[in-house]
Amino acid sequence: ALAPVHVRAEIAEHLATSGDVGRPRSVLQQDFPQIAPQISELPEERWWWAPESNDAATKRFRNNEPKDAMKKRIGAFRRWVFAQEEGTTIVAFGHSTFFKELQCVGGGVGSQKRLANGEMVKIQI
């Protein structure tokens, strides 16, 4: 049996440039029909930081995500991880800044190394 797949908005890239703006949930479901039910786990149609100011479809970018907001998301993801059954292996795909900060939140010892594009790293929380 395949392992369950979950789509977590908390792992979104830190919104700092126009290239970081997400796509609407319905567009993702259309583009990735094989995981459309899991994409429905995204909490809102427009699930990224400040969707009223930032929109990939109209190429609008007016509002960076504050670092405190990103850290709040990372804390929410950590809580979700800790709520999983002990011994569960979680494979998470995301961006370097997220994983760099994930290691620092909650008093963890963070790595100052940015991940290369496509690099994998094991983080034990």
Foldseek 3Di string as FASTA:
>chain_A
DDDDDADALLQQDQFDDLVRQDAFLVVVCVVCVVCNVRSVNQPGRRRDPPCVQHHNVVSGHDDGDDPVNNLVSLVVVVVVVVPDDPPDDDDDDHAQVSQQVNQPPPNHDGDPDGDDVPDDDDDDD
